[in-house]
Amino acid sequence: MKRYLEGKRVLIILPTYNERENLEPLTASIFRETDSLPCELSILVVDDNSPDGTGDLADLLAEVNPRIQVLHRAGKEGLGRAYLAGFAWALERDYDLIMEMDADFSHHPRYLPVLLRASAEADIVLGSRYVGGGGTVNWGVGRRILSQGGSLYARTVLGLKQRDLTGGFKVFQRSALETLDLTSVHSEGYAFQIELTLRAVRRGLKVIEVPIVFEDRRVGQSKMSGNIVSEALFMVWKLRGVR
């Protein structure tokens, strides 16, 4: 177990849209928290042509640090499309472990070592708010009810055991992504996260949850909207036929 990460090539995918204030301190924190790990870790910023210049800043950071790469997209196409583009980029370049992570510090870099080490025991590791030791910080009652209720709703409809189905702090083995038939994934937002876990379970992959505390974003505006929530509610029923 101690030597599991030795020599592994790890890619953290950071989808961004108007995250200029967060990007530099976040990338610095990621490297600071993971520099003691015996793996080769890089960051891919997937920017959707952010009006605030996030993409330009990412390019500047990449010029200084070769461990930062940037994938520019023409416009805002949604979180799911951003991750799929990042997954394709990672698979083309033979990364061993590929991570999803928010770019607003709600997924704190201090959890990266434990999530990566846990991948020795699973095909997919979920950073979970709703297992023992997990939780949320600075959330109102309404948002907690919406999030926990959404995961319970999806678990019930889809027959899944995982407690945090809508979270986006995940580690994938390369082989897991190659198994998931990513070209057939069309959902967005919370539904995208639910669909990936569902596909994994139905293909017999091992999915485990590791506790994290989710912290509300430090600066900027939340990307959560009524459309994203509505899509997840309706898409859950459509996902029942996914294999």
C-alpha atoms as a PDB file:
ATOM      1  CA  MET A   1       0.000   0.000   0.000  1.00  0.00           C
ATOM      2  CA  LYS A   2       2.770   2.461   0.915  1.00  0.00           C
ATOM      3  CA  ARG A   3       4.364   2.026  -2.503  1.00  0.00           C
ATOM      4  CA  TYR A   4       1.130   1.975  -4.484  1.00  0.00           C
ATOM      5  CA  LEU A   5       1.445   5.525  -5.857  1.00  0.00           C
ATOM      6  CA  GLU A   6       5.106   5.162  -6.736  1.00  0.00           C
ATOM      7  CA  GLY A   7       5.595   6.001 -10.405  1.00  0.00           C
ATOM      8  CA  LYS A   8       1.893   6.640 -11.050  1.00  0.00           C
ATOM      9  CA  ARG A   9       0.952   9.435 -13.441  1.00  0.00           C
ATOM     10  CA  VAL A  10      -1.915  11.418 -11.920  1.00  0.00           C
ATOM     11  CA  LEU A  11      -4.010  14.109 -13.583  1.00  0.00           C
ATOM     12  CA  ILE A  12      -6.363  16.452 -11.727  1.00  0.00           C
ATOM     13  CA  ILE A  13      -8.999  17.966 -14.010  1.00  0.00           C
ATOM     14  CA  LEU A  14     -10.170  21.454 -13.005  1.00  0.00           C
ATOM     15  CA  PRO A  15     -13.120  22.726 -15.091  1.00  0.00           C
ATOM     16  CA  THR A  16     -13.249  26.520 -14.890  1.00  0.00           C
ATOM     17  CA  TYR A  17     -15.676  29.260 -15.749  1.00  0.00           C
ATOM     18  CA  ASN A  18     -14.953  32.622 -14.110  1.00  0.00           C
ATOM     19  CA  GLU A  19     -12.580  31.215 -11.477  1.00  0.00           C
ATOM     20  CA  ARG A  20      -9.723  33.707 -11.913  1.00  0.00           C
ATOM     21  CA  GLU A  21      -9.594  34.603  -8.207  1.00  0.00           C
ATOM     22  CA  ASN A  22      -9.390  30.960  -7.138  1.00  0.00           C
ATOM     23  CA  LEU A  23      -7.140  29.410  -9.772  1.00  0.00           C
ATOM     24  CA  GLU A  24      -3.656  30.502  -8.693  1.00  0.00           C
ATOM     25  CA  PRO A  25      -4.048  29.838  -4.951  1.00  0.00           C
ATOM     26  CA  LEU A  26      -5.808  26.538  -5.674  1.00  0.00           C
ATOM     27  CA  THR A  27      -3.108  25.165  -7.975  1.00  0.00           C
ATOM     28  CA  ALA A  28      -0.442  26.214  -5.478  1.00  0.00           C
ATOM     29  CA  SER A  29      -2.332  24.457  -2.679  1.00  0.00           C
ATOM     30  CA  ILE A  30      -2.747  21.290  -4.767  1.00  0.00           C
ATOM     31  CA  PHE A  31       0.986  21.005  -5.352  1.00  0.00           C
ATOM     32  CA  ARG A  32       1.764  21.865  -1.735  1.00  0.00           C
ATOM     33  CA  GLU A  33      -0.536  19.124  -0.418  1.00  0.00           C
ATOM     34  CA  THR A  34       0.696  16.462  -2.842  1.00  0.00           C
ATOM     35  CA  ASP A  35       4.415  17.152  -3.262  1.00  0.00           C
ATOM     36  CA  SER A  36       5.300  14.472  -0.705  1.00  0.00           C
ATOM     37  CA  LEU A  37       3.491  11.770  -2.704  1.00  0.00           C
ATOM     38  CA  PRO A  38       5.693   9.462  -4.813  1.00  0.00           C
ATOM     39  CA  CYS A  39       3.699  10.070  -7.994  1.00  0.00           C
ATOM     40  CA  GLU A  40       3.923  12.374 -10.988  1.00  0.00           C
ATOM     41  CA  LEU A  41       0.982  14.752 -10.541  1.00  0.00           C
ATOM     42  CA  SER A  42      -0.243  17.312 -13.080  1.00  0.00           C
ATOM     43  CA  ILE A  43      -3.229  19.625 -13.409  1.00  0.00           C
ATOM     44  CA  LEU A  44      -5.389  20.128 -16.493  1.00  0.00           C
ATOM     45  CA  VAL A  45      -7.414  23.345 -16.476  1.00  0.00           C
ATOM     46  CA  VAL A  46     -10.416  22.984 -18.796  1.00  0.00           C
ATOM     47  CA  ASP A  47     -11.646  26.526 -19.375  1.00  0.00           C
ATOM     48  CA  ASP A  48     -14.876  27.423 -21.151  1.00  0.00           C
ATOM     49  CA  ASN A  49     -13.699  30.793 -22.490  1.00  0.00           C
ATOM     50  CA  SER A  50     -14.255  32.513 -19.134  1.00  0.00           C
ATOM     51  CA  PRO A  51     -15.155  36.212 -19.527  1.00  0.00           C
ATOM     52  CA  ASP A  52     -13.080  37.076 -16.432  1.00  0.00           C
ATOM     53  CA  GLY A  53      -9.834  35.877 -18.056  1.00  0.00           C
ATOM     54  CA  THR A  54      -9.433  32.600 -16.173  1.00  0.00           C
ATOM     55  CA  GLY A  55      -8.122  30.941 -19.333  1.00  0.00           C
ATOM     56  CA  ASP A  56      -5.498  33.635 -19.849  1.00  0.00           C
ATOM     57  CA  LEU A  57      -4.324  33.254 -16.254  1.00  0.00           C
ATOM     58  CA  ALA A  58      -4.169  29.480 -16.697  1.00  0.00           C
ATOM     59  CA  ASP A  59      -1.897  29.973 -19.709  1.00  0.00           C
ATOM     60  CA  LEU A  60       0.397  32.204 -17.650  1.00  0.00           C
ATOM     61  CA  LEU A  61       0.556  29.630 -14.850  1.00  0.00           C
ATOM     62  CA  ALA A  62       1.334  26.898 -17.388  1.00  0.00           C
ATOM     63  CA  GLU A  63       4.232  28.933 -18.782  1.00  0.00           C
ATOM     64  CA  VAL A  64       5.793  29.019 -15.320  1.00  0.00           C
ATOM     65  CA  ASN A  65       4.913  25.479 -14.244  1.00  0.00           C
ATOM     66  CA  PRO A  66       5.059  22.630 -16.810  1.00  0.00           C
ATOM     67  CA  ARG A  67       2.908  20.500 -14.497  1.00  0.00           C
ATOM     68  CA  ILE A  68      -0.053  22.719 -15.412  1.00  0.00           C
ATOM     69  CA  GLN A  69      -1.741  22.159 -18.769  1.00  0.00           C
ATOM     70  CA  VAL A  70      -4.661  24.090 -20.275  1.00  0.00           C
ATOM     71  CA  LEU A  71      -7.481  22.942 -22.523  1.00  0.00           C
ATOM     72  CA  HIS A  72      -9.464  25.840 -23.989  1.00  0.00           C
ATOM     73  CA  ARG A  73     -13.025  25.352 -25.178  1.00  0.00           C
ATOM     74  CA  ALA A  74     -14.959  27.799 -27.325  1.00  0.00           C
ATOM     75  CA  GLY A  75     -17.724  28.514 -24.839  1.00  0.00           C
ATOM     76  CA  LYS A  76     -19.722  27.342 -21.854  1.00  0.00           C
ATOM     77  CA  GLU A  77     -20.893  23.805 -22.621  1.00  0.00           C
ATOM     78  CA  GLY A  78     -21.478  22.499 -19.118  1.00  0.00           C
ATOM     79  CA  LEU A  79     -19.560  20.643 -16.438  1.00  0.00           C
ATOM     80  CA  GLY A  80     -20.194  17.207 -17.889  1.00  0.00           C
ATOM     81  CA  ARG A  81     -18.794  18.148 -21.301  1.00  0.00           C
ATOM     82  CA  ALA A  82     -15.767  19.713 -19.628  1.00  0.00           C
ATOM     83  CA  TYR A  83     -14.987  16.542 -17.700  1.00  0.00           C
ATOM     84  CA  LEU A  84     -15.504  14.345 -20.762  1.00  0.00           C
ATOM     85  CA  ALA A  85     -13.058  16.514 -22.703  1.00  0.00           C
ATOM     86  CA  GLY A  86     -10.598  16.230 -19.823  1.00  0.00           C
ATOM     87  CA  PHE A  87     -11.027  12.455 -19.611  1.00  0.00           C
ATOM     88  CA  ALA A  88     -10.325  12.089 -23.339  1.00  0.00           C
ATOM     89  CA  TRP A  89      -7.222  14.289 -22.994  1.00  0.00           C
ATOM     90  CA  ALA A  90      -5.976  12.189 -20.068  1.00  0.00           C
ATOM     91  CA  LEU A  91      -6.581   8.833 -21.748  1.00  0.00           C
ATOM     92  CA  GLU A  92      -4.749   9.954 -24.876  1.00  0.00           C
ATOM     93  CA  ARG A  93      -1.715  10.727 -22.705  1.00  0.00           C
ATOM     94  CA  ASP A  94      -1.690   7.496 -20.681  1.00  0.00           C
ATOM     95  CA  TYR A  95      -2.393   8.854 -17.196  1.00  0.00           C
ATOM     96  CA  ASP A  96      -2.909   6.125 -14.587  1.00  0.00           C
ATOM     97  CA  LEU A  97      -5.237   7.999 -12.219  1.00  0.00           C
ATOM     98  CA  ILE A  98      -7.609  10.778 -13.264  1.00  0.00           C
ATOM     99  CA  MET A  99      -9.373  13.049 -10.793  1.00  0.00           C
ATOM    100  CA  GLU A 100     -12.399  15.320 -10.850  1.00  0.00           C
ATOM    101  CA  MET A 101     -12.153  18.378  -8.618  1.00  0.00           C
ATOM    102  CA  ASP A 102     -13.988  21.692  -8.292  1.00  0.00           C
ATOM    103  CA  ALA A 103     -11.972  24.854  -8.889  1.00  0.00           C
ATOM    104  CA  ASP A 104     -13.474  26.932  -6.068  1.00  0.00           C
ATOM    105  CA  PHE A 105     -11.882  25.332  -2.949  1.00  0.00           C
ATOM    106  CA  SER A 106     -15.110  23.532  -2.039  1.00  0.00           C
ATOM    107  CA  HIS A 107     -13.016  20.387  -2.576  1.00  0.00           C
ATOM    108  CA  HIS A 108     -10.070  21.107  -0.340  1.00  0.00           C
ATOM    109  CA  PRO A 109      -6.652  19.903  -1.576  1.00  0.00           C
ATOM    110  CA  ARG A 110      -5.844  18.457   1.856  1.00  0.00           C
ATOM    111  CA  TYR A 111      -7.982  15.439   0.919  1.00  0.00           C
ATOM    112  CA  LEU A 112      -5.996  14.618  -2.205  1.00  0.00           C
ATOM    113  CA  PRO A 113      -3.452  12.277  -0.544  1.00  0.00           C
ATOM    114  CA  VAL A 114      -6.094  10.157   1.195  1.00  0.00           C
ATOM    115  CA  LEU A 115      -8.276   9.929  -1.922  1.00  0.00           C
ATOM    116  CA  LEU A 116      -5.350   8.955  -4.114  1.00  0.00           C
ATOM    117  CA  ARG A 117      -4.101   6.334  -1.656  1.00  0.00           C
ATOM    118  CA  ALA A 118      -7.613   4.899  -1.370  1.00  0.00           C
ATOM    119  CA  SER A 119      -7.603   4.246  -5.109  1.00  0.00           C
ATOM    120  CA  ALA A 120      -5.331   1.281  -4.401  1.00  0.00           C
ATOM    121  CA  GLU A 121      -8.472  -0.516  -3.210  1.00  0.00           C
ATOM    122  CA  ALA A 122     -11.024   0.527  -5.827  1.00  0.00           C
ATOM    123  CA  ASP A 123     -11.744   1.368  -9.433  1.00  0.00           C
ATOM    124  CA  ILE A 124     -13.384   4.651  -8.410  1.00  0.00           C
ATOM    125  CA  VAL A 125     -13.083   6.624  -5.161  1.00  0.00           C
ATOM    126  CA  LEU A 126     -15.812   9.097  -4.219  1.00  0.00           C
ATOM    127  CA  GLY A 127     -15.046  11.952  -1.851  1.00  0.00           C
ATOM    128  CA  SER A 128     -18.218  11.671   0.211  1.00  0.00           C
ATOM    129  CA  ARG A 129     -20.029  14.201   2.368  1.00  0.00           C
ATOM    130  CA  TYR A 130     -22.510  11.633   3.650  1.00  0.00           C
ATOM    131  CA  VAL A 131     -20.460   8.849   5.223  1.00  0.00           C
ATOM    132  CA  GLY A 132     -19.042   8.902   8.727  1.00  0.00           C
ATOM    133  CA  GLY A 133     -16.526  11.725   9.101  1.00  0.00           C
ATOM    134  CA  GLY A 134     -17.879  13.640   6.104  1.00  0.00           C
ATOM    135  CA  GLY A 135     -19.962  16.784   6.110  1.00  0.00           C
ATOM    136  CA  THR A 136     -20.518  20.297   4.808  1.00  0.00           C
ATOM    137  CA  VAL A 137     -19.537  23.758   6.024  1.00  0.00           C
ATOM    138  CA  ASN A 138     -21.382  27.067   5.619  1.00  0.00           C
ATOM    139  CA  TRP A 139     -24.464  25.559   3.998  1.00  0.00           C
ATOM    140  CA  GLY A 140     -27.980  26.725   4.757  1.00  0.00           C
ATOM    141  CA  VAL A 141     -30.711  24.269   5.742  1.00  0.00           C
ATOM    142  CA  GLY A 142     -32.290  24.443   2.288  1.00  0.00           C
ATOM    143  CA  ARG A 143     -29.121  23.487   0.473  1.00  0.00           C
ATOM    144  CA  ARG A 144     -28.401  20.613   2.861  1.00  0.00           C
ATOM    145  CA  ILE A 145     -31.910  19.238   2.363  1.00  0.00           C
ATOM    146  CA  LEU A 146     -31.614  19.601  -1.414  1.00  0.00           C
ATOM    147  CA  SER A 147     -28.249  17.857  -1.583  1.00  0.00           C
ATOM    148  CA  GLN A 148     -28.953  15.007   0.823  1.00  0.00           C
ATOM    149  CA  GLY A 149     -32.465  14.580  -0.522  1.00  0.00           C
ATOM    150  CA  GLY A 150     -31.146  14.458  -4.075  1.00  0.00           C
ATOM    151  CA  SER A 151     -28.708  11.679  -3.248  1.00  0.00           C
ATOM    152  CA  LEU A 152     -31.384   9.727  -1.355  1.00  0.00           C
ATOM    153  CA  TYR A 153     -33.803  10.167  -4.264  1.00  0.00           C
ATOM    154  CA  ALA A 154     -31.238   8.912  -6.777  1.00  0.00           C
ATOM    155  CA  ARG A 155     -30.242   5.965  -4.561  1.00  0.00           C
ATOM    156  CA  THR A 156     -33.860   4.938  -4.204  1.00  0.00           C
ATOM    157  CA  VAL A 157     -34.776   5.218  -7.879  1.00  0.00           C
ATOM    158  CA  LEU A 158     -31.578   3.584  -9.167  1.00  0.00           C
ATOM    159  CA  GLY A 159     -30.999   1.022  -6.420  1.00  0.00           C
ATOM    160  CA  LEU A 160     -27.509   2.254  -5.560  1.00  0.00           C
ATOM    161  CA  LYS A 161     -25.815   1.974  -2.169  1.00  0.00           C
ATOM    162  CA  GLN A 162     -23.388   4.890  -2.464  1.00  0.00           C
ATOM    163  CA  ARG A 163     -24.495   7.735  -0.201  1.00  0.00           C
ATOM    164  CA  ASP A 164     -23.048  10.733  -2.051  1.00  0.00           C
ATOM    165  CA  LEU A 165     -24.086  10.398  -5.682  1.00  0.00           C
ATOM    166  CA  THR A 166     -23.982  14.070  -6.662  1.00  0.00           C
ATOM    167  CA  GLY A 167     -20.479  14.922  -5.465  1.00  0.00           C
ATOM    168  CA  GLY A 168     -17.703  15.668  -7.947  1.00  0.00           C
ATOM    169  CA  PHE A 169     -14.504  14.934  -5.987  1.00  0.00           C
ATOM    170  CA  LYS A 170     -13.487  11.600  -7.517  1.00  0.00           C
ATOM    171  CA  VAL A 171     -10.548   9.430  -8.477  1.00  0.00           C
ATOM    172  CA  PHE A 172     -10.817   7.111 -11.480  1.00  0.00           C
ATOM    173  CA  GLN A 173      -8.477   4.342 -12.430  1.00  0.00           C
ATOM    174  CA  ARG A 174      -7.635   4.645 -16.107  1.00  0.00           C
ATOM    175  CA  SER A 175      -9.191   1.231 -16.679  1.00  0.00           C
ATOM    176  CA  ALA A 176     -12.457   2.428 -15.096  1.00  0.00           C
ATOM    177  CA  LEU A 177     -12.830   5.305 -17.543  1.00  0.00           C
ATOM    178  CA  GLU A 178     -12.048   2.973 -20.416  1.00  0.00           C
ATOM    179  CA  THR A 179     -14.876   0.703 -19.230  1.00  0.00           C
ATOM    180  CA  LEU A 180     -17.581   3.369 -18.861  1.00  0.00           C
ATOM    181  CA  ASP A 181     -18.408   4.004 -22.562  1.00  0.00           C
ATOM    182  CA  LEU A 182     -17.981   7.756 -22.111  1.00  0.00           C
ATOM    183  CA  THR A 183     -19.174   8.534 -25.655  1.00  0.00           C
ATOM    184  CA  SER A 184     -22.710   7.590 -24.598  1.00  0.00           C
ATOM    185  CA  VAL A 185     -22.804   9.911 -21.550  1.00  0.00           C
ATOM    186  CA  HIS A 186     -25.046  12.907 -22.228  1.00  0.00           C
ATOM    187  CA  SER A 187     -26.167  14.206 -18.830  1.00  0.00           C
ATOM    188  CA  GLU A 188     -24.893  17.357 -17.125  1.00  0.00           C
ATOM    189  CA  GLY A 189     -24.424  18.777 -13.650  1.00  0.00           C
ATOM    190  CA  TYR A 190     -25.465  16.537 -10.747  1.00  0.00           C
ATOM    191  CA  ALA A 191     -26.951  14.009 -13.168  1.00  0.00           C
ATOM    192  CA  PHE A 192     -23.531  13.583 -14.789  1.00  0.00           C
ATOM    193  CA  GLN A 193     -22.013  12.549 -11.476  1.00  0.00           C
ATOM    194  CA  ILE A 194     -24.888  10.165 -10.774  1.00  0.00           C
ATOM    195  CA  GLU A 195     -24.577   8.603 -14.217  1.00  0.00           C
ATOM    196  CA  LEU A 196     -20.851   7.900 -13.948  1.00  0.00           C
ATOM    197  CA  THR A 197     -21.296   6.096 -10.628  1.00  0.00           C
ATOM    198  CA  LEU A 198     -24.304   4.176 -11.935  1.00  0.00           C
ATOM    199  CA  ARG A 199     -22.432   3.029 -15.032  1.00  0.00           C
ATOM    200  CA  ALA A 200     -19.502   1.930 -12.887  1.00  0.00           C
ATOM    201  CA  VAL A 201     -21.658  -0.126 -10.514  1.00  0.00           C
ATOM    202  CA  ARG A 202     -23.576  -1.755 -13.350  1.00  0.00           C
ATOM    203  CA  ARG A 203     -20.316  -2.775 -14.997  1.00  0.00           C
ATOM    204  CA  GLY A 204     -19.164  -4.452 -11.817  1.00  0.00           C
ATOM    205  CA  LEU A 205     -16.519  -1.868 -10.899  1.00  0.00           C
ATOM    206  CA  LYS A 206     -15.602  -1.349  -7.264  1.00  0.00           C
ATOM    207  CA  VAL A 207     -16.685   2.073  -6.000  1.00  0.00           C
ATOM    208  CA  ILE A 208     -15.775   3.197  -2.479  1.00  0.00           C
ATOM    209  CA  GLU A 209     -16.498   6.361  -0.500  1.00  0.00           C
ATOM    210  CA  VAL A 210     -13.963   8.303   1.557  1.00  0.00           C
ATOM    211  CA  PRO A 211     -15.189  11.052   3.907  1.00  0.00           C
ATOM    212  CA  ILE A 212     -14.558  14.690   3.025  1.00  0.00           C
ATOM    213  CA  VAL A 213     -15.893  17.964   4.409  1.00  0.00           C
ATOM    214  CA  PHE A 214     -17.283  20.092   1.601  1.00  0.00           C
ATOM    215  CA  GLU A 215     -16.661  23.807   2.126  1.00  0.00           C
ATOM    216  CA  ASP A 216     -18.719  26.457   0.356  1.00  0.00           C
ATOM    217  CA  ARG A 217     -16.766  28.409  -2.268  1.00  0.00           C
ATOM    218  CA  ARG A 218     -14.427  31.126  -0.982  1.00  0.00           C
ATOM    219  CA  VAL A 219     -15.023  33.712  -3.697  1.00  0.00           C
ATOM    220  CA  GLY A 220     -17.204  34.029  -6.771  1.00  0.00           C
ATOM    221  CA  GLN A 221     -20.736  32.874  -7.443  1.00  0.00           C
ATOM    222  CA  SER A 222     -22.120  29.369  -7.146  1.00  0.00           C
ATOM    223  CA  LYS A 223     -22.710  27.566 -10.455  1.00  0.00           C
ATOM    224  CA  MET A 224     -25.704  25.692  -9.045  1.00  0.00           C
ATOM    225  CA  SER A 225     -28.985  26.640 -10.712  1.00  0.00           C
ATOM    226  CA  GLY A 226     -32.588  25.520 -10.870  1.00  0.00           C
ATOM    227  CA  ASN A 227     -31.972  24.026 -14.297  1.00  0.00           C
ATOM    228  CA  ILE A 228     -29.171  21.817 -12.983  1.00  0.00           C
ATOM    229  CA  VAL A 229     -31.338  20.547 -10.118  1.00  0.00           C
ATOM    230  CA  SER A 230     -34.345  19.971 -12.395  1.00  0.00           C
ATOM    231  CA  GLU A 231     -32.241  18.072 -14.913  1.00  0.00           C
ATOM    232  CA  ALA A 232     -30.943  15.772 -12.198  1.00  0.00           C
ATOM    233  CA  LEU A 233     -34.459  15.026 -10.931  1.00  0.00           C
ATOM    234  CA  PHE A 234     -35.765  14.097 -14.364  1.00  0.00           C
ATOM    235  CA  MET A 235     -32.596  12.444 -15.651  1.00  0.00           C
ATOM    236  CA  VAL A 236     -32.535   9.955 -12.767  1.00  0.00           C
ATOM    237  CA  TRP A 237     -35.554   8.191 -14.273  1.00  0.00           C
ATOM    238  CA  LYS A 238     -33.970   8.136 -17.716  1.00  0.00           C
ATOM    239  CA  LEU A 239     -30.797   6.676 -16.232  1.00  0.00           C
ATOM    240  CA  ARG A 240     -32.631   3.563 -15.061  1.00  0.00           C
ATOM    241  CA  GLY A 241     -31.997   2.045 -18.481  1.00  0.00           C
ATOM    242  CA  VAL A 242     -28.253   2.774 -18.510  1.00  0.00           C
ATOM    243  CA  ARG A 243     -25.931  -0.220 -18.646  1.00  0.00           C
END
